[in-house]
C-alpha atoms as a PDB file:
ATOM      1  CA  MET A   1     -54.330  98.376  -3.046  1.00  0.00           C
ATOM      2  CA  SER A   2     -53.080 101.802  -1.989  1.00  0.00           C
ATOM      3  CA  ASP A   3     -55.531 104.341  -0.611  1.00  0.00           C
ATOM      4  CA  LEU A   4     -56.600 105.425  -4.096  1.00  0.00           C
ATOM      5  CA  PHE A   5     -56.621 103.356  -7.295  1.00  0.00           C
ATOM      6  CA  GLU A   6     -57.415 105.212 -10.536  1.00  0.00           C
ATOM      7  CA  ILE A   7     -58.389 103.800 -13.928  1.00  0.00           C
ATOM      8  CA  ARG A   8     -58.762 105.612 -17.261  1.00  0.00           C
ATOM      9  CA  ILE A   9     -60.578 103.872 -20.125  1.00  0.00           C
ATOM     10  CA  HIS A  10     -60.163 105.033 -23.736  1.00  0.00           C
ATOM     11  CA  GLY A  11     -62.622 103.808 -26.332  1.00  0.00           C
ATOM     12  CA  ARG A  12     -65.288 104.694 -28.813  1.00  0.00           C
ATOM     13  CA  ALA A  13     -68.964 105.189 -28.061  1.00  0.00           C
ATOM     14  CA  GLY A  14     -70.609 101.782 -28.245  1.00  0.00           C
ATOM     15  CA  GLN A  15     -67.572  99.806 -27.018  1.00  0.00           C
ATOM     16  CA  GLY A  16     -68.661  99.983 -23.391  1.00  0.00           C
ATOM     17  CA  GLY A  17     -66.017 102.204 -21.802  1.00  0.00           C
ATOM     18  CA  LYS A  18     -68.525 104.138 -19.707  1.00  0.00           C
ATOM     19  CA  THR A  19     -70.339 100.941 -18.710  1.00  0.00           C
ATOM     20  CA  GLY A  20     -67.034  99.219 -17.919  1.00  0.00           C
ATOM     21  CA  GLY A  21     -66.140 102.003 -15.507  1.00  0.00           C
ATOM     22  CA  GLN A  22     -69.544 101.698 -13.864  1.00  0.00           C
ATOM     23  CA  ILE A  23     -69.194  97.912 -13.537  1.00  0.00           C
ATOM     24  CA  LEU A  24     -65.861  98.364 -11.757  1.00  0.00           C
ATOM     25  CA  ALA A  25     -67.435 100.959  -9.448  1.00  0.00           C
ATOM     26  CA  TYR A  26     -70.401  98.706  -8.606  1.00  0.00           C
ATOM     27  CA  ALA A  27     -68.076  95.779  -7.879  1.00  0.00           C
ATOM     28  CA  ALA A  28     -65.865  97.915  -5.610  1.00  0.00           C
ATOM     29  CA  PHE A  29     -68.942  99.285  -3.833  1.00  0.00           C
ATOM     30  CA  TYR A  30     -70.079  95.714  -3.106  1.00  0.00           C
ATOM     31  CA  GLU A  31     -66.708  95.183  -1.432  1.00  0.00           C
ATOM     32  CA  GLY A  32     -67.224  98.204   0.828  1.00  0.00           C
ATOM     33  CA  LYS A  33     -64.960 100.593  -1.031  1.00  0.00           C
ATOM     34  CA  THR A  34     -65.624 104.231  -1.915  1.00  0.00           C
ATOM     35  CA  VAL A  35     -65.999 104.782  -5.662  1.00  0.00           C
ATOM     36  CA  GLN A  36     -66.433 107.259  -8.476  1.00  0.00           C
ATOM     37  CA  ALA A  37     -67.162 106.508 -12.126  1.00  0.00           C
ATOM     38  CA  PHE A  38     -67.795 109.143 -14.761  1.00  0.00           C
ATOM     39  CA  PRO A  39     -67.383 109.545 -18.522  1.00  0.00           C
ATOM     40  CA  GLU A  40     -66.050 112.334 -20.689  1.00  0.00           C
ATOM     41  CA  TYR A  41     -67.188 112.582 -24.278  1.00  0.00           C
ATOM     42  CA  GLY A  42     -68.308 115.017 -26.923  1.00  0.00           C
ATOM     43  CA  SER A  43     -70.903 114.089 -29.484  1.00  0.00           C
ATOM     44  CA  GLU A  44     -72.982 111.142 -28.374  1.00  0.00           C
ATOM     45  CA  ARG A  45     -72.867 109.064 -31.519  1.00  0.00           C
ATOM     46  CA  ARG A  46     -71.617 105.548 -31.955  1.00  0.00           C
ATOM     47  CA  GLY A  47     -67.923 105.535 -32.798  1.00  0.00           C
ATOM     48  CA  ALA A  48     -67.085 108.921 -31.234  1.00  0.00           C
ATOM     49  CA  PRO A  49     -64.025 108.999 -28.937  1.00  0.00           C
ATOM     50  CA  THR A  50     -64.783 108.551 -25.233  1.00  0.00           C
ATOM     51  CA  VAL A  51     -62.857 108.485 -21.984  1.00  0.00           C
ATOM     52  CA  ALA A  52     -64.210 107.004 -18.769  1.00  0.00           C
ATOM     53  CA  TYR A  53     -62.734 107.324 -15.308  1.00  0.00           C
ATOM     54  CA  THR A  54     -63.062 105.126 -12.230  1.00  0.00           C
ATOM     55  CA  ARG A  55     -61.655 105.745  -8.777  1.00  0.00           C
ATOM     56  CA  ILE A  56     -61.620 103.075  -6.078  1.00  0.00           C
ATOM     57  CA  SER A  57     -60.529 103.790  -2.521  1.00  0.00           C
ATOM     58  CA  ASN A  58     -60.627 102.478   1.017  1.00  0.00           C
ATOM     59  CA  LYS A  59     -61.114 106.080   2.174  1.00  0.00           C
ATOM     60  CA  GLU A  60     -63.378 108.974   1.234  1.00  0.00           C
ATOM     61  CA  ILE A  61     -62.665 110.351  -2.259  1.00  0.00           C
ATOM     62  CA  ARG A  62     -62.513 114.143  -2.184  1.00  0.00           C
ATOM     63  CA  THR A  63     -61.481 114.938  -5.743  1.00  0.00           C
ATOM     64  CA  HIS A  64     -63.848 115.117  -8.713  1.00  0.00           C
ATOM     65  CA  GLU A  65     -61.432 115.926 -11.506  1.00  0.00           C
ATOM     66  CA  PRO A  66     -60.518 113.834 -14.534  1.00  0.00           C
ATOM     67  CA  ILE A  67     -57.815 111.290 -13.779  1.00  0.00           C
ATOM     68  CA  LEU A  68     -54.474 112.634 -14.977  1.00  0.00           C
ATOM     69  CA  ASN A  69     -52.108 110.080 -13.402  1.00  0.00           C
ATOM     70  CA  PRO A  70     -53.885 106.729 -13.526  1.00  0.00           C
ATOM     71  CA  ASP A  71     -52.645 103.450 -12.126  1.00  0.00           C
ATOM     72  CA  VAL A  72     -54.207 101.690 -15.125  1.00  0.00           C
ATOM     73  CA  VAL A  73     -55.101 102.703 -18.678  1.00  0.00           C
ATOM     74  CA  ILE A  74     -57.444 100.440 -20.622  1.00  0.00           C
ATOM     75  CA  VAL A  75     -57.616 100.963 -24.385  1.00  0.00           C
ATOM     76  CA  LEU A  76     -60.669  99.444 -26.079  1.00  0.00           C
ATOM     77  CA  ASP A  77     -59.779 100.640 -29.591  1.00  0.00           C
ATOM     78  CA  GLU A  78     -56.340  99.517 -30.760  1.00  0.00           C
ATOM     79  CA  THR A  79     -56.068 102.371 -33.289  1.00  0.00           C
ATOM     80  CA  TYR A  80     -55.649 104.799 -30.384  1.00  0.00           C
ATOM     81  CA  ILE A  81     -52.118 103.532 -29.802  1.00  0.00           C
ATOM     82  CA  PHE A  82     -51.207 105.298 -33.050  1.00  0.00           C
ATOM     83  CA  THR A  83     -53.340 108.436 -32.699  1.00  0.00           C
ATOM     84  CA  LEU A  84     -53.633 109.387 -29.000  1.00  0.00           C
ATOM     85  CA  PRO A  85     -51.102 109.846 -26.212  1.00  0.00           C
ATOM     86  CA  ILE A  86     -52.747 107.009 -24.265  1.00  0.00           C
ATOM     87  CA  THR A  87     -49.865 106.582 -21.821  1.00  0.00           C
ATOM     88  CA  LYS A  88     -49.749 110.285 -20.929  1.00  0.00           C
ATOM     89  CA  GLY A  89     -49.703 110.546 -17.159  1.00  0.00           C
ATOM     90  CA  LEU A  90     -49.731 106.761 -16.659  1.00  0.00           C
ATOM     91  CA  LYS A  91     -47.667 105.992 -13.594  1.00  0.00           C
ATOM     92  CA  GLU A  92     -44.241 104.480 -14.241  1.00  0.00           C
ATOM     93  CA  ASN A  93     -45.285 101.300 -12.429  1.00  0.00           C
ATOM     94  CA  GLY A  94     -48.725 101.491 -14.013  1.00  0.00           C
ATOM     95  CA  LEU A  95     -50.537  98.982 -16.161  1.00  0.00           C
ATOM     96  CA  LEU A  96     -51.530  99.388 -19.809  1.00  0.00           C
ATOM     97  CA  ILE A  97     -54.239  97.000 -21.070  1.00  0.00           C
ATOM     98  CA  ILE A  98     -54.876  96.967 -24.831  1.00  0.00           C
ATOM     99  CA  ASN A  99     -57.641  95.267 -26.785  1.00  0.00           C
ATOM    100  CA  THR A 100     -55.510  93.796 -29.572  1.00  0.00           C
ATOM    101  CA  THR A 101     -54.182  90.625 -31.122  1.00  0.00           C
ATOM    102  CA  LYS A 102     -50.656  92.100 -30.949  1.00  0.00           C
ATOM    103  CA  SER A 103     -48.191  90.886 -28.339  1.00  0.00           C
ATOM    104  CA  PRO A 104     -47.261  92.982 -25.297  1.00  0.00           C
ATOM    105  CA  GLU A 105     -43.772  93.398 -26.772  1.00  0.00           C
ATOM    106  CA  GLU A 106     -45.197  94.871 -29.986  1.00  0.00           C
ATOM    107  CA  ILE A 107     -47.322  97.321 -27.973  1.00  0.00           C
ATOM    108  CA  LYS A 108     -44.312  98.361 -25.881  1.00  0.00           C
ATOM    109  CA  LYS A 109     -42.386  99.171 -29.051  1.00  0.00           C
ATOM    110  CA  ILE A 110     -45.248 101.235 -30.466  1.00  0.00           C
ATOM    111  CA  THR A 111     -46.188 103.111 -27.270  1.00  0.00           C
ATOM    112  CA  LYS A 112     -42.676 103.307 -25.792  1.00  0.00           C
ATOM    113  CA  PHE A 113     -44.245 102.541 -22.399  1.00  0.00           C
ATOM    114  CA  ASN A 114     -41.822 100.732 -20.078  1.00  0.00           C
ATOM    115  CA  GLY A 115     -44.362  99.614 -17.484  1.00  0.00           C
ATOM    116  CA  LYS A 116     -46.481  96.476 -17.507  1.00  0.00           C
ATOM    117  CA  VAL A 117     -48.425  95.847 -20.731  1.00  0.00           C
ATOM    118  CA  ILE A 118     -51.261  93.342 -21.044  1.00  0.00           C
ATOM    119  CA  THR A 119     -52.864  92.482 -24.359  1.00  0.00           C
ATOM    120  CA  VAL A 120     -56.109  90.612 -24.846  1.00  0.00           C
ATOM    121  CA  ASP A 121     -58.223  89.975 -27.933  1.00  0.00           C
ATOM    122  CA  ALA A 122     -61.268  91.454 -26.184  1.00  0.00           C
ATOM    123  CA  THR A 123     -63.105  92.061 -29.466  1.00  0.00           C
ATOM    124  CA  GLY A 124     -62.665  88.430 -30.520  1.00  0.00           C
ATOM    125  CA  ILE A 125     -63.734  87.195 -27.089  1.00  0.00           C
ATOM    126  CA  SER A 126     -66.827  89.398 -26.978  1.00  0.00           C
ATOM    127  CA  ILE A 127     -67.933  88.419 -30.485  1.00  0.00           C
ATOM    128  CA  ALA A 128     -67.493  84.726 -29.626  1.00  0.00           C
ATOM    129  CA  THR A 129     -69.307  84.927 -26.281  1.00  0.00           C
ATOM    130  CA  VAL A 130     -71.765  87.824 -26.438  1.00  0.00           C
ATOM    131  CA  GLY A 131     -72.269  87.910 -30.195  1.00  0.00           C
ATOM    132  CA  ARG A 132     -71.185  91.517 -30.710  1.00  0.00           C
ATOM    133  CA  GLU A 133     -68.213  93.811 -30.218  1.00  0.00           C
ATOM    134  CA  ALA A 134     -68.150  94.680 -26.507  1.00  0.00           C
ATOM    135  CA  PRO A 135     -64.480  94.690 -25.482  1.00  0.00           C
ATOM    136  CA  ASN A 136     -65.057  96.301 -22.094  1.00  0.00           C
ATOM    137  CA  ILE A 137     -65.925  93.106 -20.213  1.00  0.00           C
ATOM    138  CA  PRO A 138     -62.908  90.975 -21.291  1.00  0.00           C
ATOM    139  CA  THR A 139     -60.528  93.868 -20.513  1.00  0.00           C
ATOM    140  CA  ILE A 140     -62.020  94.089 -17.012  1.00  0.00           C
ATOM    141  CA  GLY A 141     -61.233  90.381 -16.606  1.00  0.00           C
ATOM    142  CA  SER A 142     -57.624  91.112 -17.607  1.00  0.00           C
ATOM    143  CA  LEU A 143     -57.438  93.957 -15.089  1.00  0.00           C
ATOM    144  CA  ILE A 144     -58.747  91.783 -12.244  1.00  0.00           C
ATOM    145  CA  LYS A 145     -56.210  89.064 -13.054  1.00  0.00           C
ATOM    146  CA  GLU A 146     -53.250  91.418 -13.144  1.00  0.00           C
ATOM    147  CA  ARG A 147     -53.997  93.857 -10.316  1.00  0.00           C
ATOM    148  CA  ASN A 148     -56.323  91.837  -8.082  1.00  0.00           C
ATOM    149  CA  ILE A 149     -58.048  95.039  -6.925  1.00  0.00           C
ATOM    150  CA  LEU A 150     -61.467  93.368  -6.873  1.00  0.00           C
ATOM    151  CA  LYS A 151     -62.833  89.871  -6.605  1.00  0.00           C
ATOM    152  CA  LEU A 152     -64.091  88.278  -9.808  1.00  0.00           C
ATOM    153  CA  GLU A 153     -67.292  87.379  -7.939  1.00  0.00           C
ATOM    154  CA  SER A 154     -67.950  91.069  -7.195  1.00  0.00           C
ATOM    155  CA  VAL A 155     -67.673  91.901 -10.890  1.00  0.00           C
ATOM    156  CA  GLU A 156     -70.040  89.029 -11.709  1.00  0.00           C
ATOM    157  CA  LYS A 157     -72.529  90.429  -9.174  1.00  0.00           C
ATOM    158  CA  ALA A 158     -72.201  93.888 -10.767  1.00  0.00           C
ATOM    159  CA  LEU A 159     -72.857  92.426 -14.224  1.00  0.00           C
ATOM    160  CA  ASP A 160     -75.979  90.730 -12.905  1.00  0.00           C
ATOM    161  CA  GLU A 161     -77.169  93.902 -11.167  1.00  0.00           C
ATOM    162  CA  ILE A 162     -76.623  96.171 -14.167  1.00  0.00           C
ATOM    163  CA  PHE A 163     -77.670  93.874 -17.010  1.00  0.00           C
ATOM    164  CA  SER A 164     -80.287  91.397 -15.720  1.00  0.00           C
ATOM    165  CA  GLU A 165     -83.344  93.417 -16.700  1.00  0.00           C
ATOM    166  CA  LYS A 166     -81.834  94.693 -19.919  1.00  0.00           C
ATOM    167  CA  ILE A 167     -80.421  91.478 -21.410  1.00  0.00           C
ATOM    168  CA  GLY A 168     -81.759  88.705 -19.185  1.00  0.00           C
ATOM    169  CA  LYS A 169     -79.953  86.000 -17.228  1.00  0.00           C
ATOM    170  CA  ASN A 170     -78.689  84.305 -20.400  1.00  0.00           C
ATOM    171  CA  GLY A 171     -77.107  87.561 -21.566  1.00  0.00           C
ATOM    172  CA  VAL A 172     -75.538  88.068 -18.142  1.00  0.00           C
ATOM    173  CA  GLN A 173     -74.068  84.553 -18.279  1.00  0.00           C
ATOM    174  CA  LYS A 174     -72.556  85.303 -21.699  1.00  0.00           C
ATOM    175  CA  ASN A 175     -70.934  88.451 -20.287  1.00  0.00           C
ATOM    176  CA  ILE A 176     -69.599  86.501 -17.304  1.00  0.00           C
ATOM    177  CA  GLU A 177     -68.077  84.039 -19.773  1.00  0.00           C
ATOM    178  CA  ALA A 178     -66.453  86.987 -21.611  1.00  0.00           C
ATOM    179  CA  LEU A 179     -65.144  88.298 -18.273  1.00  0.00           C
ATOM    180  CA  LYS A 180     -63.607  84.937 -17.376  1.00  0.00           C
ATOM    181  CA  ARG A 181     -62.072  84.507 -20.827  1.00  0.00           C
ATOM    182  CA  GLY A 182     -60.511  87.980 -20.567  1.00  0.00           C
ATOM    183  CA  TYR A 183     -59.092  86.892 -17.210  1.00  0.00           C
ATOM    184  CA  MET A 184     -57.687  83.655 -18.633  1.00  0.00           C
ATOM    185  CA  GLU A 185     -56.508  84.892 -22.026  1.00  0.00           C
ATOM    186  CA  ALA A 186     -54.660  88.053 -20.974  1.00  0.00           C
ATOM    187  CA  ARG A 187     -51.067  88.073 -22.215  1.00  0.00           C
ATOM    188  CA  SER A 188     -48.222  89.862 -20.438  1.00  0.00           C
END
């Protein structure tokens, strides 16, 4: 990892973009890194467009602005590939992760992004494991597999820390299963 690793997550309220950014930040913090995680959204209703940002660094982070040139863009809602400039500012050697059943080649044709593209059926995985649409966790698994910026165990610890009281140990285990499936089922 370079001195600063930046992630931008596009989604809709209720898909877990904000929480996904926080999970990544918690996991990085457990590994002794400096972190930032913050959302950007308008109306706070389910389905409204959201953007979440996460910075991970081995050094002090001095900036507090939205991430304009991310290393990774995660897209939780596939329809955004047709309606938003999701690859805007994404570094040429960056990574684009899309929650979709489409192949990486199909996404490259649609987005015209020449960097690395990963696709994962995060919605299908989350429905099968957690019982509801929560594509954030499987996409985090895909990110960890491809960029190896964090240990899977650190993300599991973050899931336990954030969700234990809210959804119980059984719910945490289901999310860990979704994380691992996202890791295993990512297509590049």
